[in-house]
Amino acid sequence: MQEFSKNKLTMSLLMTPNMANFRGNVHGGEILKTLDHVAYALAARYSGKNVVTLSVDRVLFKNPISIGTLVTFLASVNYTGRTSIEIGIKVISEDIQKHTVTHTNSSFFTMVAIDDDGKPTPIEPFIPQSDDEKRRWENAKKRREESLKTRKQTFR
C-alpha cells in the first residue's frame, strides 16, 4: 500500500463548462469551494479528526482559470496551534493542449479540530523539518499573531 504524507496533499480537477462565470472563465466561487474542500481534507488527514473552517486569511486571484484546464491544488500544513491548523494552498492551472502551467491562486485557511460535541479538541503539534517547512512555519506564526491582534480589536 502507498504511504501518504500526513502534512501534504495534492488534488487535481478538470475545469468543466458548468464551472464557468459570465466571462467564460472558472467562477471564483468554484475555486473557493474547492479550496475549502482541500483545506478540510488535509487538516482532517493531519489531525485524524473532524475540522471546521475558522478563517481564510487570504485568497489572491493572480490569473484567471480557463474552462478545459487541469487545476492542481498543492496543500501543506504550515502551522499548528493547540487545536488549529494553518493550511497553505497553491493553485496551478495547466493548459493540457498547450502544455503550459500558470500559478493562479494562493491562500491560507485556518481549520480547527473538533470533537463529537463540536468543541475544539487538541491536535498533535506539527514540527517542521525542511527549510521550506521552517520558512512556512515562521510566516504562518506571524500571520497568526496578526490575526489574533485583529480579532481582539474587532470582537471587543
N, C-alpha and C. Protein backbone atom coordinates (compact mmCIF):
# COMPACT_ATOMS: atom_id res chain seq x y z
N MET A 1 0.84 -1.18 0.00
CA MET A 1 0.00 0.00 0.00
C MET A 1 0.89 1.25 0.00
N GLN A 2 0.44 2.28 -0.72
CA GLN A 2 1.20 3.52 -0.84
C GLN A 2 1.11 4.34 0.45
N GLU A 3 2.26 4.90 0.85
CA GLU A 3 2.31 5.79 2.01
C GLU A 3 1.95 7.21 1.56
N PHE A 4 1.13 7.90 2.36
CA PHE A 4 0.77 9.28 2.08
C PHE A 4 1.38 10.17 3.14
N SER A 5 1.84 11.34 2.71
CA SER A 5 2.36 12.32 3.65
C SER A 5 1.20 12.86 4.47
N LYS A 6 1.38 12.91 5.75
CA LYS A 6 0.35 13.39 6.65
C LYS A 6 0.19 14.92 6.58
N ASN A 7 1.23 15.61 6.12
CA ASN A 7 1.20 17.08 6.14
C ASN A 7 1.18 17.73 4.75
N LYS A 8 0.91 16.92 3.72
CA LYS A 8 0.81 17.46 2.35
C LYS A 8 -0.33 16.76 1.62
N LEU A 9 -0.89 17.48 0.65
CA LEU A 9 -1.97 16.91 -0.15
C LEU A 9 -1.95 17.56 -1.53
N THR A 10 -2.13 16.76 -2.56
CA THR A 10 -2.26 17.25 -3.92
C THR A 10 -3.58 16.75 -4.48
N MET A 11 -4.36 17.68 -5.04
CA MET A 11 -5.64 17.31 -5.63
C MET A 11 -5.74 18.01 -6.98
N SER A 12 -6.14 17.27 -8.02
CA SER A 12 -6.30 17.85 -9.35
C SER A 12 -7.72 17.66 -9.84
N LEU A 13 -8.24 18.70 -10.52
CA LEU A 13 -9.59 18.66 -11.08
C LEU A 13 -9.58 19.28 -12.47
N LEU A 14 -10.36 18.70 -13.38
CA LEU A 14 -10.55 19.28 -14.70
C LEU A 14 -11.66 20.32 -14.60
N MET A 15 -11.42 21.51 -15.12
CA MET A 15 -12.40 22.58 -15.06
C MET A 15 -13.40 22.41 -16.22
N THR A 16 -14.66 22.20 -15.89
CA THR A 16 -15.70 21.88 -16.86
C THR A 16 -16.63 23.07 -17.09
N PRO A 17 -17.40 23.07 -18.19
CA PRO A 17 -18.27 24.21 -18.52
C PRO A 17 -19.26 24.61 -17.42
N ASN A 18 -19.71 23.67 -16.60
CA ASN A 18 -20.65 24.02 -15.53
C ASN A 18 -20.01 24.89 -14.44
N MET A 19 -18.70 25.09 -14.50
CA MET A 19 -17.98 25.91 -13.52
C MET A 19 -17.76 27.34 -14.02
N ALA A 20 -18.29 27.66 -15.20
CA ALA A 20 -17.99 28.95 -15.83
C ALA A 20 -18.74 30.12 -15.21
N ASN A 21 -18.08 31.28 -15.25
CA ASN A 21 -18.75 32.54 -14.89
C ASN A 21 -19.25 33.19 -16.18
N PHE A 22 -19.71 34.43 -16.11
CA PHE A 22 -20.27 35.09 -17.29
C PHE A 22 -19.23 35.48 -18.33
N ARG A 23 -17.97 35.45 -17.96
CA ARG A 23 -16.90 35.76 -18.92
C ARG A 23 -16.32 34.51 -19.55
N GLY A 24 -16.79 33.34 -19.12
CA GLY A 24 -16.32 32.09 -19.70
C GLY A 24 -15.12 31.47 -19.01
N ASN A 25 -14.69 32.09 -17.92
CA ASN A 25 -13.62 31.51 -17.11
C ASN A 25 -14.25 30.76 -15.94
N VAL A 26 -13.43 30.11 -15.14
CA VAL A 26 -13.93 29.42 -13.96
C VAL A 26 -14.37 30.45 -12.93
N HIS A 27 -15.56 30.26 -12.39
CA HIS A 27 -16.13 31.16 -11.38
C HIS A 27 -15.27 31.10 -10.12
N GLY A 28 -14.95 32.26 -9.56
CA GLY A 28 -14.13 32.32 -8.35
C GLY A 28 -14.73 31.53 -7.20
N GLY A 29 -16.06 31.49 -7.12
CA GLY A 29 -16.73 30.73 -6.07
C GLY A 29 -16.45 29.24 -6.16
N GLU A 30 -16.29 28.73 -7.38
CA GLU A 30 -15.94 27.31 -7.56
C GLU A 30 -14.55 27.03 -6.98
N ILE A 31 -13.65 27.97 -7.21
CA ILE A 31 -12.28 27.81 -6.69
C ILE A 31 -12.30 27.90 -5.16
N LEU A 32 -13.06 28.86 -4.61
CA LEU A 32 -13.16 28.99 -3.15
C LEU A 32 -13.72 27.73 -2.51
N LYS A 33 -14.75 27.18 -3.10
CA LYS A 33 -15.36 25.96 -2.58
C LYS A 33 -14.35 24.80 -2.58
N THR A 34 -13.62 24.68 -3.68
CA THR A 34 -12.63 23.60 -3.77
C THR A 34 -11.48 23.84 -2.81
N LEU A 35 -11.05 25.09 -2.66
CA LEU A 35 -10.00 25.40 -1.68
C LEU A 35 -10.42 24.95 -0.29
N ASP A 36 -11.67 25.20 0.08
CA ASP A 36 -12.17 24.78 1.39
C ASP A 36 -12.18 23.26 1.52
N HIS A 37 -12.55 22.57 0.45
CA HIS A 37 -12.52 21.10 0.47
C HIS A 37 -11.09 20.57 0.65
N VAL A 38 -10.16 21.18 -0.06
CA VAL A 38 -8.76 20.77 0.03
C VAL A 38 -8.23 21.02 1.45
N ALA A 39 -8.53 22.20 2.00
CA ALA A 39 -8.08 22.52 3.36
C ALA A 39 -8.68 21.54 4.36
N TYR A 40 -9.97 21.23 4.20
CA TYR A 40 -10.62 20.26 5.09
C TYR A 40 -9.92 18.90 4.99
N ALA A 41 -9.72 18.43 3.76
CA ALA A 41 -9.14 17.10 3.56
C ALA A 41 -7.77 16.98 4.22
N LEU A 42 -6.91 17.99 4.04
CA LEU A 42 -5.57 17.90 4.62
C LEU A 42 -5.61 18.05 6.14
N ALA A 43 -6.40 18.99 6.65
CA ALA A 43 -6.47 19.18 8.10
C ALA A 43 -7.05 17.95 8.78
N ALA A 44 -8.06 17.32 8.17
CA ALA A 44 -8.64 16.10 8.73
C ALA A 44 -7.63 14.95 8.66
N ARG A 45 -6.90 14.85 7.55
CA ARG A 45 -5.87 13.82 7.43
C ARG A 45 -4.81 14.01 8.51
N TYR A 46 -4.34 15.25 8.66
CA TYR A 46 -3.27 15.53 9.62
C TYR A 46 -3.73 15.23 11.05
N SER A 47 -4.90 15.74 11.42
CA SER A 47 -5.35 15.64 12.81
C SER A 47 -6.04 14.32 13.14
N GLY A 48 -6.58 13.66 12.11
CA GLY A 48 -7.36 12.45 12.36
C GLY A 48 -8.71 12.77 13.00
N LYS A 49 -9.15 14.02 12.85
CA LYS A 49 -10.40 14.48 13.48
C LYS A 49 -11.23 15.25 12.47
N ASN A 50 -12.49 15.48 12.81
CA ASN A 50 -13.29 16.40 12.03
C ASN A 50 -12.74 17.80 12.25
N VAL A 51 -12.86 18.64 11.23
CA VAL A 51 -12.38 20.02 11.34
C VAL A 51 -13.41 20.96 10.75
N VAL A 52 -13.34 22.21 11.17
CA VAL A 52 -14.17 23.27 10.61
C VAL A 52 -13.28 24.43 10.20
N THR A 53 -13.77 25.23 9.28
CA THR A 53 -13.01 26.40 8.82
C THR A 53 -13.19 27.53 9.82
N LEU A 54 -12.09 28.03 10.36
CA LEU A 54 -12.13 29.19 11.25
C LEU A 54 -12.00 30.47 10.44
N SER A 55 -11.01 30.49 9.54
CA SER A 55 -10.80 31.71 8.76
C SER A 55 -10.07 31.41 7.46
N VAL A 56 -10.21 32.35 6.56
CA VAL A 56 -9.44 32.36 5.32
C VAL A 56 -8.69 33.68 5.35
N ASP A 57 -7.38 33.59 5.58
CA ASP A 57 -6.61 34.81 5.73
C ASP A 57 -6.43 35.56 4.42
N ARG A 58 -6.28 34.82 3.35
CA ARG A 58 -6.05 35.50 2.08
C ARG A 58 -6.32 34.53 0.94
N VAL A 59 -7.02 35.02 -0.06
CA VAL A 59 -7.12 34.32 -1.33
C VAL A 59 -6.74 35.34 -2.38
N LEU A 60 -5.68 35.08 -3.05
CA LEU A 60 -5.19 36.01 -4.07
C LEU A 60 -5.41 35.37 -5.44
N PHE A 61 -6.29 35.99 -6.24
CA PHE A 61 -6.55 35.51 -7.60
C PHE A 61 -5.58 36.23 -8.53
N LYS A 62 -4.48 35.55 -8.88
CA LYS A 62 -3.44 36.16 -9.70
C LYS A 62 -3.76 36.13 -11.19
N ASN A 63 -4.36 35.03 -11.64
CA ASN A 63 -4.65 34.85 -13.05
C ASN A 63 -5.98 34.10 -13.21
N PRO A 64 -6.73 34.39 -14.28
CA PRO A 64 -7.98 33.66 -14.50
C PRO A 64 -7.69 32.20 -14.85
N ILE A 65 -8.68 31.36 -14.62
CA ILE A 65 -8.57 29.94 -14.94
C ILE A 65 -9.56 29.64 -16.05
N SER A 66 -9.08 29.07 -17.13
CA SER A 66 -9.93 28.78 -18.28
C SER A 66 -10.62 27.44 -18.12
N ILE A 67 -11.82 27.36 -18.71
CA ILE A 67 -12.52 26.09 -18.79
C ILE A 67 -11.67 25.14 -19.64
N GLY A 68 -11.60 23.89 -19.25
CA GLY A 68 -10.82 22.90 -20.00
C GLY A 68 -9.41 22.70 -19.46
N THR A 69 -9.00 23.52 -18.48
CA THR A 69 -7.68 23.34 -17.91
C THR A 69 -7.73 22.35 -16.75
N LEU A 70 -6.60 21.78 -16.46
CA LEU A 70 -6.44 20.89 -15.32
C LEU A 70 -5.87 21.73 -14.19
N VAL A 71 -6.58 21.80 -13.08
CA VAL A 71 -6.15 22.64 -11.96
C VAL A 71 -5.68 21.74 -10.83
N THR A 72 -4.50 22.03 -10.32
CA THR A 72 -3.91 21.25 -9.23
C THR A 72 -3.77 22.13 -8.00
N PHE A 73 -4.24 21.60 -6.88
CA PHE A 73 -4.19 22.28 -5.59
C PHE A 73 -3.08 21.61 -4.78
N LEU A 74 -2.04 22.36 -4.45
CA LEU A 74 -0.91 21.86 -3.68
C LEU A 74 -1.03 22.41 -2.26
N ALA A 75 -1.37 21.54 -1.32
CA ALA A 75 -1.64 21.99 0.05
C ALA A 75 -0.58 21.45 1.00
N SER A 76 -0.29 22.26 2.02
CA SER A 76 0.65 21.83 3.06
C SER A 76 0.21 22.38 4.41
N VAL A 77 0.54 21.61 5.45
CA VAL A 77 0.36 22.11 6.81
C VAL A 77 1.48 23.09 7.04
N ASN A 78 1.14 24.33 7.38
CA ASN A 78 2.16 25.35 7.63
C ASN A 78 2.43 25.54 9.11
N TYR A 79 1.38 25.37 9.93
CA TYR A 79 1.50 25.72 11.35
C TYR A 79 0.39 25.02 12.11
N THR A 80 0.67 24.68 13.36
CA THR A 80 -0.39 24.17 14.24
C THR A 80 -0.36 24.94 15.55
N GLY A 81 -1.56 25.21 16.05
CA GLY A 81 -1.72 25.72 17.40
C GLY A 81 -2.17 24.55 18.26
N ARG A 82 -2.82 24.84 19.35
CA ARG A 82 -3.30 23.76 20.23
C ARG A 82 -4.41 22.96 19.57
N THR A 83 -5.34 23.66 18.89
CA THR A 83 -6.46 23.00 18.23
C THR A 83 -6.57 23.38 16.75
N SER A 84 -5.75 24.31 16.31
CA SER A 84 -5.88 24.83 14.94
C SER A 84 -4.72 24.41 14.04
N ILE A 85 -5.01 24.47 12.75
CA ILE A 85 -4.03 24.08 11.73
C ILE A 85 -4.11 25.11 10.60
N GLU A 86 -2.98 25.73 10.24
CA GLU A 86 -2.98 26.57 9.05
C GLU A 86 -2.58 25.72 7.86
N ILE A 87 -3.42 25.79 6.83
CA ILE A 87 -3.16 25.08 5.58
C ILE A 87 -2.87 26.12 4.51
N GLY A 88 -1.72 26.01 3.87
CA GLY A 88 -1.38 26.86 2.73
C GLY A 88 -1.68 26.10 1.46
N ILE A 89 -2.30 26.78 0.49
CA ILE A 89 -2.66 26.12 -0.76
C ILE A 89 -2.20 26.97 -1.94
N LYS A 90 -1.45 26.33 -2.82
CA LYS A 90 -1.02 26.95 -4.07
C LYS A 90 -1.81 26.29 -5.19
N VAL A 91 -2.37 27.10 -6.10
CA VAL A 91 -3.20 26.58 -7.18
C VAL A 91 -2.46 26.78 -8.51
N ILE A 92 -2.34 25.68 -9.25
CA ILE A 92 -1.65 25.69 -10.53
C ILE A 92 -2.65 25.28 -11.62
N SER A 93 -2.71 26.08 -12.69
CA SER A 93 -3.60 25.78 -13.82
C SER A 93 -2.74 25.29 -14.98
N GLU A 94 -3.11 24.15 -15.54
CA GLU A 94 -2.34 23.57 -16.64
C GLU A 94 -3.19 23.50 -17.90
N ASP A 95 -2.74 24.20 -18.94
CA ASP A 95 -3.39 24.09 -20.24
C ASP A 95 -2.87 22.80 -20.87
N ILE A 96 -3.72 21.81 -20.92
CA ILE A 96 -3.31 20.46 -21.35
C ILE A 96 -2.85 20.45 -22.80
N GLN A 97 -3.51 21.22 -23.67
CA GLN A 97 -3.17 21.22 -25.09
C GLN A 97 -1.89 21.99 -25.38
N LYS A 98 -1.69 23.12 -24.69
CA LYS A 98 -0.50 23.94 -24.94
C LYS A 98 0.69 23.53 -24.08
N HIS A 99 0.44 22.67 -23.10
CA HIS A 99 1.50 22.24 -22.17
C HIS A 99 2.12 23.42 -21.42
N THR A 100 1.24 24.33 -20.97
CA THR A 100 1.71 25.47 -20.18
C THR A 100 1.12 25.39 -18.77
N VAL A 101 1.87 25.91 -17.82
CA VAL A 101 1.46 25.88 -16.42
C VAL A 101 1.50 27.31 -15.87
N THR A 102 0.45 27.68 -15.12
CA THR A 102 0.37 29.03 -14.55
C THR A 102 -0.02 28.95 -13.08
N HIS A 103 0.70 29.68 -12.24
CA HIS A 103 0.32 29.81 -10.82
C HIS A 103 -0.84 30.80 -10.80
N THR A 104 -2.03 30.32 -10.40
CA THR A 104 -3.22 31.16 -10.47
C THR A 104 -3.68 31.71 -9.13
N ASN A 105 -3.49 30.98 -8.06
CA ASN A 105 -4.02 31.39 -6.76
C ASN A 105 -3.10 30.92 -5.65
N SER A 106 -3.19 31.64 -4.53
CA SER A 106 -2.58 31.21 -3.27
C SER A 106 -3.55 31.56 -2.15
N SER A 107 -3.56 30.74 -1.11
CA SER A 107 -4.46 31.04 0.01
C SER A 107 -3.97 30.37 1.29
N PHE A 108 -4.51 30.86 2.41
CA PHE A 108 -4.21 30.32 3.73
C PHE A 108 -5.51 30.12 4.48
N PHE A 109 -5.79 28.89 4.86
CA PHE A 109 -7.00 28.55 5.61
C PHE A 109 -6.60 28.12 7.01
N THR A 110 -7.33 28.57 8.01
CA THR A 110 -7.14 28.08 9.37
C THR A 110 -8.32 27.19 9.71
N MET A 111 -8.01 25.95 10.03
CA MET A 111 -9.02 24.95 10.37
C MET A 111 -8.87 24.61 11.85
N VAL A 112 -9.99 24.26 12.49
CA VAL A 112 -9.98 23.89 13.90
C VAL A 112 -10.51 22.47 14.04
N ALA A 113 -9.76 21.64 14.75
CA ALA A 113 -10.19 20.26 15.02
C ALA A 113 -11.29 20.29 16.07
N ILE A 114 -12.33 19.47 15.85
CA ILE A 114 -13.44 19.43 16.80
C ILE A 114 -13.72 17.99 17.23
N ASP A 115 -14.29 17.86 18.44
CA ASP A 115 -14.68 16.55 18.94
C ASP A 115 -16.12 16.23 18.51
N ASP A 116 -16.66 15.13 19.00
CA ASP A 116 -18.01 14.72 18.62
C ASP A 116 -19.09 15.70 19.07
N ASP A 117 -18.78 16.54 20.05
CA ASP A 117 -19.74 17.54 20.53
C ASP A 117 -19.55 18.89 19.82
N GLY A 118 -18.63 18.95 18.86
CA GLY A 118 -18.39 20.19 18.13
C GLY A 118 -17.49 21.17 18.85
N LYS A 119 -16.82 20.72 19.90
CA LYS A 119 -15.92 21.58 20.68
C LYS A 119 -14.49 21.42 20.17
N PRO A 120 -13.71 22.51 20.18
CA PRO A 120 -12.31 22.41 19.77
C PRO A 120 -11.58 21.34 20.59
N THR A 121 -10.74 20.58 19.91
CA THR A 121 -10.01 19.50 20.58
C THR A 121 -8.54 19.55 20.19
N PRO A 122 -7.65 19.24 21.12
CA PRO A 122 -6.20 19.33 20.85
C PRO A 122 -5.75 18.40 19.72
N ILE A 123 -4.71 18.85 19.02
CA ILE A 123 -4.11 18.07 17.95
C ILE A 123 -2.61 17.92 18.19
N GLU A 124 -2.04 17.01 17.47
CA GLU A 124 -0.59 16.79 17.53
C GLU A 124 0.13 17.98 16.91
N PRO A 125 1.15 18.52 17.60
CA PRO A 125 1.89 19.65 17.02
C PRO A 125 2.65 19.23 15.76
N PHE A 126 2.71 20.14 14.81
CA PHE A 126 3.50 19.93 13.60
C PHE A 126 4.90 20.45 13.86
N ILE A 127 5.89 19.63 13.57
CA ILE A 127 7.29 20.03 13.75
C ILE A 127 7.94 20.10 12.38
N PRO A 128 8.19 21.33 11.89
CA PRO A 128 8.77 21.48 10.55
C PRO A 128 10.17 20.88 10.49
N GLN A 129 10.45 20.22 9.37
CA GLN A 129 11.75 19.58 9.18
C GLN A 129 12.60 20.27 8.12
N SER A 130 12.05 20.47 6.94
CA SER A 130 12.82 21.04 5.83
C SER A 130 12.92 22.56 5.98
N ASP A 131 13.82 23.16 5.21
CA ASP A 131 13.95 24.62 5.21
C ASP A 131 12.65 25.27 4.76
N ASP A 132 12.00 24.69 3.75
CA ASP A 132 10.71 25.20 3.27
C ASP A 132 9.65 25.17 4.38
N GLU A 133 9.57 24.04 5.08
CA GLU A 133 8.60 23.91 6.17
C GLU A 133 8.90 24.91 7.29
N LYS A 134 10.16 25.13 7.59
CA LYS A 134 10.53 26.09 8.64
C LYS A 134 10.17 27.51 8.23
N ARG A 135 10.40 27.85 6.97
CA ARG A 135 10.05 29.18 6.45
C ARG A 135 8.54 29.37 6.51
N ARG A 136 7.78 28.36 6.06
CA ARG A 136 6.31 28.44 6.10
C ARG A 136 5.81 28.57 7.54
N TRP A 137 6.44 27.83 8.46
CA TRP A 137 6.06 27.88 9.89
C TRP A 137 6.22 29.31 10.43
N GLU A 138 7.38 29.90 10.17
CA GLU A 138 7.65 31.26 10.66
C GLU A 138 6.68 32.27 10.07
N ASN A 139 6.42 32.17 8.76
CA ASN A 139 5.47 33.09 8.12
C ASN A 139 4.06 32.89 8.67
N ALA A 140 3.67 31.66 8.89
CA ALA A 140 2.34 31.36 9.43
C ALA A 140 2.21 31.86 10.87
N LYS A 141 3.29 31.73 11.62
CA LYS A 141 3.28 32.21 13.00
C LYS A 141 3.03 33.71 13.05
N LYS A 142 3.68 34.45 12.14
CA LYS A 142 3.47 35.90 12.05
C LYS A 142 2.03 36.22 11.65
N ARG A 143 1.48 35.48 10.66
CA ARG A 143 0.09 35.70 10.26
C ARG A 143 -0.85 35.44 11.43
N ARG A 144 -0.57 34.40 12.20
CA ARG A 144 -1.42 34.05 13.35
C ARG A 144 -1.41 35.16 14.39
N GLU A 145 -0.22 35.69 14.69
CA GLU A 145 -0.10 36.78 15.67
C GLU A 145 -0.88 38.00 15.22
N GLU A 146 -0.78 38.34 13.93
CA GLU A 146 -1.53 39.48 13.39
C GLU A 146 -3.03 39.21 13.45
N SER A 147 -3.42 38.01 13.12
CA SER A 147 -4.84 37.64 13.13
C SER A 147 -5.42 37.72 14.54
N LEU A 148 -4.66 37.25 15.52
CA LEU A 148 -5.13 37.32 16.91
C LEU A 148 -5.28 38.76 17.37
N LYS A 149 -4.34 39.64 16.97
CA LYS A 149 -4.44 41.06 17.30
C LYS A 149 -5.71 41.67 16.69
N THR A 150 -5.93 41.38 15.43
CA THR A 150 -7.09 41.91 14.72
C THR A 150 -8.39 41.41 15.35
N ARG A 151 -8.44 40.12 15.68
CA ARG A 151 -9.64 39.56 16.30
C ARG A 151 -9.95 40.23 17.64
N LYS A 152 -8.92 40.48 18.43
CA LYS A 152 -9.12 41.13 19.74
C LYS A 152 -9.68 42.54 19.55
N GLN A 153 -9.19 43.25 18.53
CA GLN A 153 -9.65 44.61 18.29
C GLN A 153 -11.07 44.63 17.71
N THR A 154 -11.37 43.66 16.86
CA THR A 154 -12.66 43.61 16.18
C THR A 154 -13.79 43.12 17.09
N PHE A 155 -13.51 42.13 17.93
CA PHE A 155 -14.55 41.49 18.72
C PHE A 155 -14.47 41.87 20.19
N ARG A 156 -14.31 43.13 20.49
CA ARG A 156 -14.24 43.60 21.88
C ARG A 156 -15.59 43.54 22.52
